[in-house]
Amino acid sequence: MIAVLVLILRYALTVVLYAFLGWVIYTLWRDLRFQSQVVTTQKVPPITLAFEADVEGTQRVFTKPEVVIGRDSDCDFQITDEAVSSRHARLTYRYLQWWVEDLQSTNGTFLNDQRVETSTVIIKGDELRIGRQAILVNIETQE
């Protein structure tokens, strides 16, 4: 009789253990799904690029997650300067921040007078130097 009772308790404990593990896995899956929905609905904050020496005040506002800077006509932000490579640098919005990376340009990309070697976070008020052009960066904050 005691052996039957112990066997029933073991089965009950096994069922409770599997129910607990199933609940944990379901909770983790639900939280991950919620987080992925939050990330996919995250809006890209507009980034404004303007030439520092531009007296006309011409500036470009971008709301897409990737902006390519260069001399090529296919680039999003085109610079007509012989010191600028055809595809010189890329601005990317990821991990809730804007990043700049040099696309192996000949003359390099500089962020606040420091050469960009790897992807680097940029913030409002930073200055990019590409070729002989200085570009002011303005990032609008999200509400």
N, C-alpha and C. Protein backbone atom coordinates (compact mmCIF):
# COMPACT_ATOMS: atom_id res chain seq x y z
N MET A 1 0.81 -1.18 0.00
CA MET A 1 0.00 0.00 0.00
C MET A 1 0.86 1.26 0.00
N ILE A 2 1.89 1.28 0.80
CA ILE A 2 2.78 2.43 0.86
C ILE A 2 3.51 2.60 -0.48
N ALA A 3 3.88 1.49 -1.10
CA ALA A 3 4.56 1.56 -2.39
C ALA A 3 3.66 2.20 -3.45
N VAL A 4 2.37 1.90 -3.42
CA VAL A 4 1.42 2.48 -4.38
C VAL A 4 1.27 3.98 -4.11
N LEU A 5 1.22 4.37 -2.85
CA LEU A 5 1.10 5.78 -2.48
C LEU A 5 2.34 6.57 -2.92
N VAL A 6 3.52 6.00 -2.73
CA VAL A 6 4.76 6.66 -3.16
C VAL A 6 4.78 6.79 -4.68
N LEU A 7 4.32 5.77 -5.39
CA LEU A 7 4.28 5.82 -6.84
C LEU A 7 3.33 6.91 -7.33
N ILE A 8 2.17 7.03 -6.69
CA ILE A 8 1.21 8.08 -7.05
C ILE A 8 1.79 9.46 -6.78
N LEU A 9 2.46 9.62 -5.66
CA LEU A 9 3.10 10.91 -5.34
C LEU A 9 4.20 11.25 -6.34
N ARG A 10 4.96 10.26 -6.78
CA ARG A 10 6.01 10.51 -7.78
C ARG A 10 5.40 10.97 -9.10
N TYR A 11 4.32 10.31 -9.52
CA TYR A 11 3.65 10.72 -10.75
C TYR A 11 3.07 12.14 -10.62
N ALA A 12 2.47 12.41 -9.47
CA ALA A 12 1.89 13.74 -9.24
C ALA A 12 2.98 14.81 -9.27
N LEU A 13 4.11 14.52 -8.63
CA LEU A 13 5.23 15.46 -8.63
C LEU A 13 5.77 15.67 -10.04
N THR A 14 5.84 14.62 -10.83
CA THR A 14 6.31 14.72 -12.22
C THR A 14 5.36 15.60 -13.03
N VAL A 15 4.06 15.41 -12.86
CA VAL A 15 3.07 16.23 -13.57
C VAL A 15 3.19 17.69 -13.16
N VAL A 16 3.33 17.95 -11.88
CA VAL A 16 3.48 19.33 -11.39
C VAL A 16 4.76 19.95 -11.94
N LEU A 17 5.85 19.19 -11.97
CA LEU A 17 7.12 19.70 -12.49
C LEU A 17 7.00 20.07 -13.97
N TYR A 18 6.40 19.19 -14.77
CA TYR A 18 6.22 19.49 -16.19
C TYR A 18 5.26 20.66 -16.41
N ALA A 19 4.25 20.77 -15.59
CA ALA A 19 3.33 21.91 -15.69
C ALA A 19 4.07 23.21 -15.38
N PHE A 20 4.91 23.20 -14.37
CA PHE A 20 5.70 24.38 -14.02
C PHE A 20 6.65 24.75 -15.16
N LEU A 21 7.37 23.77 -15.73
CA LEU A 21 8.27 24.05 -16.84
C LEU A 21 7.51 24.58 -18.05
N GLY A 22 6.35 24.03 -18.33
CA GLY A 22 5.52 24.53 -19.44
C GLY A 22 5.09 25.96 -19.21
N TRP A 23 4.71 26.30 -17.97
CA TRP A 23 4.33 27.67 -17.64
C TRP A 23 5.50 28.63 -17.81
N VAL A 24 6.69 28.23 -17.38
CA VAL A 24 7.88 29.06 -17.52
C VAL A 24 8.19 29.31 -19.00
N ILE A 25 8.16 28.28 -19.81
CA ILE A 25 8.45 28.42 -21.24
C ILE A 25 7.40 29.31 -21.91
N TYR A 26 6.14 29.13 -21.57
CA TYR A 26 5.08 29.96 -22.14
C TYR A 26 5.27 31.43 -21.76
N THR A 27 5.60 31.70 -20.50
CA THR A 27 5.80 33.07 -20.04
C THR A 27 6.98 33.72 -20.77
N LEU A 28 8.09 33.00 -20.90
CA LEU A 28 9.24 33.54 -21.63
C LEU A 28 8.90 33.80 -23.09
N TRP A 29 8.19 32.90 -23.73
CA TRP A 29 7.81 33.07 -25.13
C TRP A 29 6.91 34.29 -25.30
N ARG A 30 5.96 34.47 -24.38
CA ARG A 30 5.05 35.62 -24.44
C ARG A 30 5.80 36.94 -24.27
N ASP A 31 6.75 36.99 -23.33
CA ASP A 31 7.53 38.20 -23.12
C ASP A 31 8.43 38.51 -24.32
N LEU A 32 9.05 37.50 -24.89
CA LEU A 32 9.89 37.72 -26.07
C LEU A 32 9.05 38.21 -27.25
N ARG A 33 7.87 37.66 -27.41
CA ARG A 33 6.99 38.10 -28.49
C ARG A 33 6.58 39.56 -28.29
N PHE A 34 6.28 39.94 -27.07
CA PHE A 34 5.92 41.32 -26.77
C PHE A 34 7.10 42.25 -27.06
N GLN A 35 8.30 41.87 -26.63
CA GLN A 35 9.48 42.70 -26.88
C GLN A 35 9.75 42.85 -28.37
N SER A 36 9.57 41.79 -29.14
CA SER A 36 9.80 41.89 -30.58
C SER A 36 8.77 42.81 -31.23
N GLN A 37 7.54 42.82 -30.74
CA GLN A 37 6.53 43.73 -31.26
C GLN A 37 6.88 45.17 -30.93
N VAL A 38 7.41 45.40 -29.74
CA VAL A 38 7.81 46.75 -29.35
C VAL A 38 8.94 47.24 -30.26
N VAL A 39 9.90 46.39 -30.51
CA VAL A 39 11.04 46.78 -31.34
C VAL A 39 10.62 47.03 -32.78
N THR A 40 9.74 46.20 -33.32
CA THR A 40 9.33 46.37 -34.72
C THR A 40 8.44 47.59 -34.90
N THR A 41 7.71 48.01 -33.89
CA THR A 41 6.88 49.20 -34.01
C THR A 41 7.63 50.47 -33.62
N GLN A 42 8.87 50.34 -33.21
CA GLN A 42 9.67 51.50 -32.82
C GLN A 42 9.91 52.39 -34.03
N LYS A 43 9.59 53.66 -33.92
CA LYS A 43 9.79 54.59 -35.01
C LYS A 43 11.22 55.10 -35.00
N VAL A 44 11.72 55.34 -36.20
CA VAL A 44 13.07 55.88 -36.36
C VAL A 44 13.00 57.38 -36.12
N PRO A 45 13.80 57.90 -35.19
CA PRO A 45 13.77 59.35 -34.98
C PRO A 45 14.42 60.05 -36.18
N PRO A 46 13.81 61.14 -36.66
CA PRO A 46 14.37 61.84 -37.81
C PRO A 46 15.77 62.37 -37.52
N ILE A 47 16.63 62.24 -38.51
CA ILE A 47 17.99 62.76 -38.40
C ILE A 47 18.16 63.83 -39.49
N THR A 48 18.71 64.96 -39.10
CA THR A 48 18.90 66.08 -40.02
C THR A 48 20.39 66.26 -40.27
N LEU A 49 20.77 66.32 -41.54
CA LEU A 49 22.16 66.55 -41.93
C LEU A 49 22.23 67.88 -42.67
N ALA A 50 23.18 68.72 -42.30
CA ALA A 50 23.35 70.01 -42.94
C ALA A 50 24.84 70.33 -43.04
N PHE A 51 25.24 70.91 -44.16
CA PHE A 51 26.63 71.33 -44.31
C PHE A 51 26.90 72.49 -43.38
N GLU A 52 28.05 72.46 -42.71
CA GLU A 52 28.39 73.52 -41.77
C GLU A 52 28.61 74.85 -42.48
N ALA A 53 29.25 74.82 -43.64
CA ALA A 53 29.58 76.05 -44.36
C ALA A 53 28.45 76.51 -45.27
N ASP A 54 27.30 75.89 -45.18
CA ASP A 54 26.17 76.23 -46.05
C ASP A 54 25.49 77.48 -45.55
N VAL A 55 25.62 78.57 -46.31
CA VAL A 55 25.02 79.83 -45.90
C VAL A 55 23.54 79.89 -46.25
N GLU A 56 23.08 79.05 -47.17
CA GLU A 56 21.67 79.05 -47.58
C GLU A 56 20.80 78.31 -46.57
N GLY A 57 21.40 77.55 -45.70
CA GLY A 57 20.63 76.81 -44.69
C GLY A 57 19.99 75.55 -45.23
N THR A 58 20.53 75.01 -46.31
CA THR A 58 19.98 73.79 -46.87
C THR A 58 20.30 72.62 -45.95
N GLN A 59 19.27 71.85 -45.63
CA GLN A 59 19.46 70.67 -44.79
C GLN A 59 18.53 69.58 -45.28
N ARG A 60 18.91 68.34 -45.00
CA ARG A 60 18.10 67.18 -45.41
C ARG A 60 17.68 66.43 -44.16
N VAL A 61 16.41 66.05 -44.11
CA VAL A 61 15.86 65.28 -42.99
C VAL A 61 15.57 63.87 -43.50
N PHE A 62 16.04 62.88 -42.75
CA PHE A 62 15.84 61.48 -43.11
C PHE A 62 15.06 60.78 -42.01
N THR A 63 14.09 59.96 -42.43
CA THR A 63 13.30 59.20 -41.46
C THR A 63 13.41 57.70 -41.69
N LYS A 64 14.32 57.29 -42.56
CA LYS A 64 14.53 55.86 -42.79
C LYS A 64 15.71 55.38 -41.96
N PRO A 65 15.81 54.07 -41.71
CA PRO A 65 16.82 53.56 -40.78
C PRO A 65 18.25 53.50 -41.34
N GLU A 66 18.45 53.81 -42.61
CA GLU A 66 19.81 53.77 -43.16
C GLU A 66 19.98 54.92 -44.15
N VAL A 67 21.08 55.67 -43.98
CA VAL A 67 21.40 56.79 -44.85
C VAL A 67 22.83 56.61 -45.33
N VAL A 68 23.01 56.58 -46.65
CA VAL A 68 24.35 56.43 -47.23
C VAL A 68 24.82 57.80 -47.70
N ILE A 69 26.05 58.13 -47.32
CA ILE A 69 26.65 59.42 -47.69
C ILE A 69 27.78 59.14 -48.66
N GLY A 70 27.83 59.92 -49.73
CA GLY A 70 28.92 59.76 -50.70
C GLY A 70 28.75 60.63 -51.93
N ARG A 71 29.63 60.41 -52.89
CA ARG A 71 29.65 61.19 -54.12
C ARG A 71 28.71 60.62 -55.18
N ASP A 72 28.39 59.34 -55.09
CA ASP A 72 27.56 58.67 -56.08
C ASP A 72 26.14 59.26 -56.08
N SER A 73 25.52 59.29 -57.26
CA SER A 73 24.16 59.85 -57.36
C SER A 73 23.13 58.97 -56.67
N ASP A 74 23.44 57.71 -56.40
CA ASP A 74 22.53 56.81 -55.70
C ASP A 74 22.54 57.01 -54.18
N CYS A 75 23.49 57.78 -53.68
CA CYS A 75 23.58 58.00 -52.23
C CYS A 75 22.43 58.89 -51.76
N ASP A 76 22.03 58.68 -50.53
CA ASP A 76 20.94 59.47 -49.95
C ASP A 76 21.37 60.92 -49.71
N PHE A 77 22.57 61.10 -49.21
CA PHE A 77 23.12 62.43 -48.96
C PHE A 77 24.35 62.57 -49.84
N GLN A 78 24.20 63.27 -50.95
CA GLN A 78 25.25 63.35 -51.96
C GLN A 78 26.14 64.56 -51.69
N ILE A 79 27.46 64.32 -51.79
CA ILE A 79 28.46 65.37 -51.62
C ILE A 79 29.29 65.42 -52.89
N THR A 80 29.32 66.56 -53.53
CA THR A 80 30.11 66.71 -54.76
C THR A 80 31.48 67.26 -54.39
N ASP A 81 32.35 66.37 -54.00
CA ASP A 81 33.71 66.72 -53.60
C ASP A 81 34.60 65.56 -54.03
N GLU A 82 35.70 65.86 -54.69
CA GLU A 82 36.60 64.81 -55.18
C GLU A 82 37.27 64.04 -54.05
N ALA A 83 37.31 64.59 -52.86
CA ALA A 83 37.93 63.91 -51.72
C ALA A 83 36.97 62.90 -51.07
N VAL A 84 35.74 62.85 -51.56
CA VAL A 84 34.72 61.95 -51.01
C VAL A 84 34.60 60.73 -51.91
N SER A 85 34.58 59.54 -51.30
CA SER A 85 34.42 58.30 -52.07
C SER A 85 32.99 58.20 -52.58
N SER A 86 32.78 57.32 -53.55
CA SER A 86 31.44 57.19 -54.12
C SER A 86 30.42 56.73 -53.08
N ARG A 87 30.78 55.80 -52.23
CA ARG A 87 29.98 55.40 -51.06
C ARG A 87 30.91 55.53 -49.86
N HIS A 88 30.84 56.65 -49.19
CA HIS A 88 31.84 57.02 -48.20
C HIS A 88 31.49 56.53 -46.78
N ALA A 89 30.27 56.81 -46.33
CA ALA A 89 29.89 56.48 -44.95
C ALA A 89 28.41 56.11 -44.92
N ARG A 90 28.03 55.43 -43.82
CA ARG A 90 26.64 55.02 -43.65
C ARG A 90 26.20 55.36 -42.23
N LEU A 91 25.01 55.94 -42.14
CA LEU A 91 24.36 56.18 -40.86
C LEU A 91 23.25 55.14 -40.73
N THR A 92 23.22 54.44 -39.60
CA THR A 92 22.25 53.37 -39.40
C THR A 92 21.59 53.54 -38.04
N TYR A 93 20.27 53.33 -38.00
CA TYR A 93 19.54 53.36 -36.74
C TYR A 93 19.32 51.92 -36.28
N ARG A 94 19.95 51.57 -35.18
CA ARG A 94 19.77 50.24 -34.59
C ARG A 94 20.04 50.33 -33.09
N TYR A 95 19.45 49.41 -32.36
CA TYR A 95 19.56 49.38 -30.90
C TYR A 95 19.16 50.72 -30.27
N LEU A 96 18.15 51.37 -30.89
CA LEU A 96 17.60 52.63 -30.41
C LEU A 96 18.59 53.79 -30.45
N GLN A 97 19.61 53.70 -31.32
CA GLN A 97 20.59 54.77 -31.47
C GLN A 97 21.01 54.90 -32.93
N TRP A 98 21.48 56.07 -33.29
CA TRP A 98 22.07 56.27 -34.62
C TRP A 98 23.55 55.95 -34.55
N TRP A 99 24.05 55.24 -35.56
CA TRP A 99 25.45 54.83 -35.64
C TRP A 99 26.03 55.32 -36.96
N VAL A 100 27.31 55.64 -36.96
CA VAL A 100 28.02 55.99 -38.19
C VAL A 100 29.12 54.97 -38.40
N GLU A 101 29.32 54.58 -39.66
CA GLU A 101 30.43 53.69 -39.99
C GLU A 101 31.03 54.13 -41.32
N ASP A 102 32.33 54.01 -41.39
CA ASP A 102 33.06 54.33 -42.61
C ASP A 102 32.97 53.12 -43.54
N LEU A 103 32.72 53.37 -44.82
CA LEU A 103 32.59 52.28 -45.79
C LEU A 103 33.90 52.08 -46.54
N GLN A 104 34.99 52.01 -45.80
CA GLN A 104 36.35 51.80 -46.33
C GLN A 104 36.69 52.87 -47.37
N SER A 105 36.41 54.10 -47.01
CA SER A 105 36.70 55.22 -47.91
C SER A 105 38.19 55.50 -47.93
N THR A 106 38.61 56.19 -48.97
CA THR A 106 40.03 56.49 -49.14
C THR A 106 40.53 57.47 -48.08
N ASN A 107 39.78 58.54 -47.86
CA ASN A 107 40.24 59.60 -46.95
C ASN A 107 39.67 59.49 -45.54
N GLY A 108 38.81 58.53 -45.29
CA GLY A 108 38.30 58.31 -43.94
C GLY A 108 37.13 59.20 -43.58
N THR A 109 36.46 58.81 -42.52
CA THR A 109 35.34 59.57 -41.96
C THR A 109 35.73 59.97 -40.55
N PHE A 110 35.42 61.22 -40.20
CA PHE A 110 35.81 61.74 -38.88
C PHE A 110 34.57 62.21 -38.13
N LEU A 111 34.47 61.81 -36.89
CA LEU A 111 33.39 62.21 -36.00
C LEU A 111 34.00 63.06 -34.90
N ASN A 112 33.64 64.32 -34.88
CA ASN A 112 34.20 65.28 -33.90
C ASN A 112 35.73 65.22 -33.90
N ASP A 113 36.32 65.26 -35.08
CA ASP A 113 37.77 65.27 -35.32
C ASP A 113 38.48 63.98 -34.90
N GLN A 114 37.76 62.90 -34.72
CA GLN A 114 38.38 61.60 -34.45
C GLN A 114 37.97 60.64 -35.55
N ARG A 115 38.95 59.92 -36.08
CA ARG A 115 38.68 59.00 -37.18
C ARG A 115 37.76 57.87 -36.75
N VAL A 116 36.78 57.54 -37.57
CA VAL A 116 35.84 56.46 -37.30
C VAL A 116 36.46 55.16 -37.80
N GLU A 117 36.83 54.28 -36.88
CA GLU A 117 37.43 52.99 -37.22
C GLU A 117 36.38 51.88 -37.23
N THR A 118 35.44 51.94 -36.29
CA THR A 118 34.37 50.95 -36.20
C THR A 118 33.05 51.72 -36.10
N SER A 119 31.95 50.99 -36.11
CA SER A 119 30.65 51.64 -35.95
C SER A 119 30.64 52.40 -34.63
N THR A 120 30.22 53.66 -34.70
CA THR A 120 30.26 54.54 -33.54
C THR A 120 28.91 55.24 -33.38
N VAL A 121 28.48 55.38 -32.15
CA VAL A 121 27.21 56.05 -31.86
C VAL A 121 27.38 57.55 -32.10
N ILE A 122 26.37 58.14 -32.76
CA ILE A 122 26.37 59.59 -32.93
C ILE A 122 25.18 60.16 -32.17
N ILE A 123 25.36 61.38 -31.69
CA ILE A 123 24.30 62.04 -30.93
C ILE A 123 24.04 63.43 -31.52
N LYS A 124 23.01 64.06 -31.01
CA LYS A 124 22.63 65.39 -31.46
C LYS A 124 23.78 66.37 -31.24
N GLY A 125 24.11 67.13 -32.28
CA GLY A 125 25.16 68.13 -32.18
C GLY A 125 26.53 67.66 -32.64
N ASP A 126 26.67 66.39 -32.99
CA ASP A 126 27.95 65.88 -33.48
C ASP A 126 28.26 66.47 -34.84
N GLU A 127 29.56 66.45 -35.18
CA GLU A 127 30.01 66.94 -36.48
C GLU A 127 30.74 65.82 -37.21
N LEU A 128 30.27 65.52 -38.41
CA LEU A 128 30.94 64.54 -39.28
C LEU A 128 31.78 65.31 -40.28
N ARG A 129 33.01 64.84 -40.50
CA ARG A 129 33.84 65.43 -41.55
C ARG A 129 34.09 64.34 -42.57
N ILE A 130 33.60 64.61 -43.77
CA ILE A 130 33.72 63.68 -44.88
C ILE A 130 34.36 64.45 -46.02
N GLY A 131 35.56 64.04 -46.39
CA GLY A 131 36.31 64.80 -47.39
C GLY A 131 36.65 66.16 -46.80
N ARG A 132 36.33 67.21 -47.55
CA ARG A 132 36.57 68.57 -47.05
C ARG A 132 35.31 69.21 -46.50
N GLN A 133 34.27 68.40 -46.36
CA GLN A 133 32.97 68.93 -45.91
C GLN A 133 32.71 68.56 -44.46
N ALA A 134 32.24 69.54 -43.71
CA ALA A 134 31.80 69.29 -42.33
C ALA A 134 30.27 69.24 -42.34
N ILE A 135 29.72 68.22 -41.74
CA ILE A 135 28.28 68.01 -41.73
C ILE A 135 27.81 68.03 -40.28
N LEU A 136 26.84 68.87 -39.99
CA LEU A 136 26.27 68.93 -38.64
C LEU A 136 25.12 67.95 -38.54
N VAL A 137 25.05 67.21 -37.43
CA VAL A 137 24.04 66.20 -37.21
C VAL A 137 23.07 66.69 -36.14
N ASN A 138 21.78 66.58 -36.44
CA ASN A 138 20.75 66.91 -35.47
C ASN A 138 19.76 65.75 -35.44
N ILE A 139 19.57 65.16 -34.28
CA ILE A 139 18.66 64.03 -34.11
C ILE A 139 17.49 64.51 -33.27
N GLU A 140 16.28 64.37 -33.82
CA GLU A 140 15.09 64.78 -33.07
C GLU A 140 14.75 63.71 -32.05
N THR A 141 14.35 64.14 -30.90
CA THR A 141 14.01 63.19 -29.83
C THR A 141 12.61 62.67 -30.04
N GLN A 142 12.39 61.42 -29.61
CA GLN A 142 11.08 60.79 -29.72
C GLN A 142 10.25 61.14 -28.51
N GLU A 143 8.96 61.20 -28.74
CA GLU A 143 8.06 61.50 -27.62
C GLU A 143 7.35 60.26 -27.15
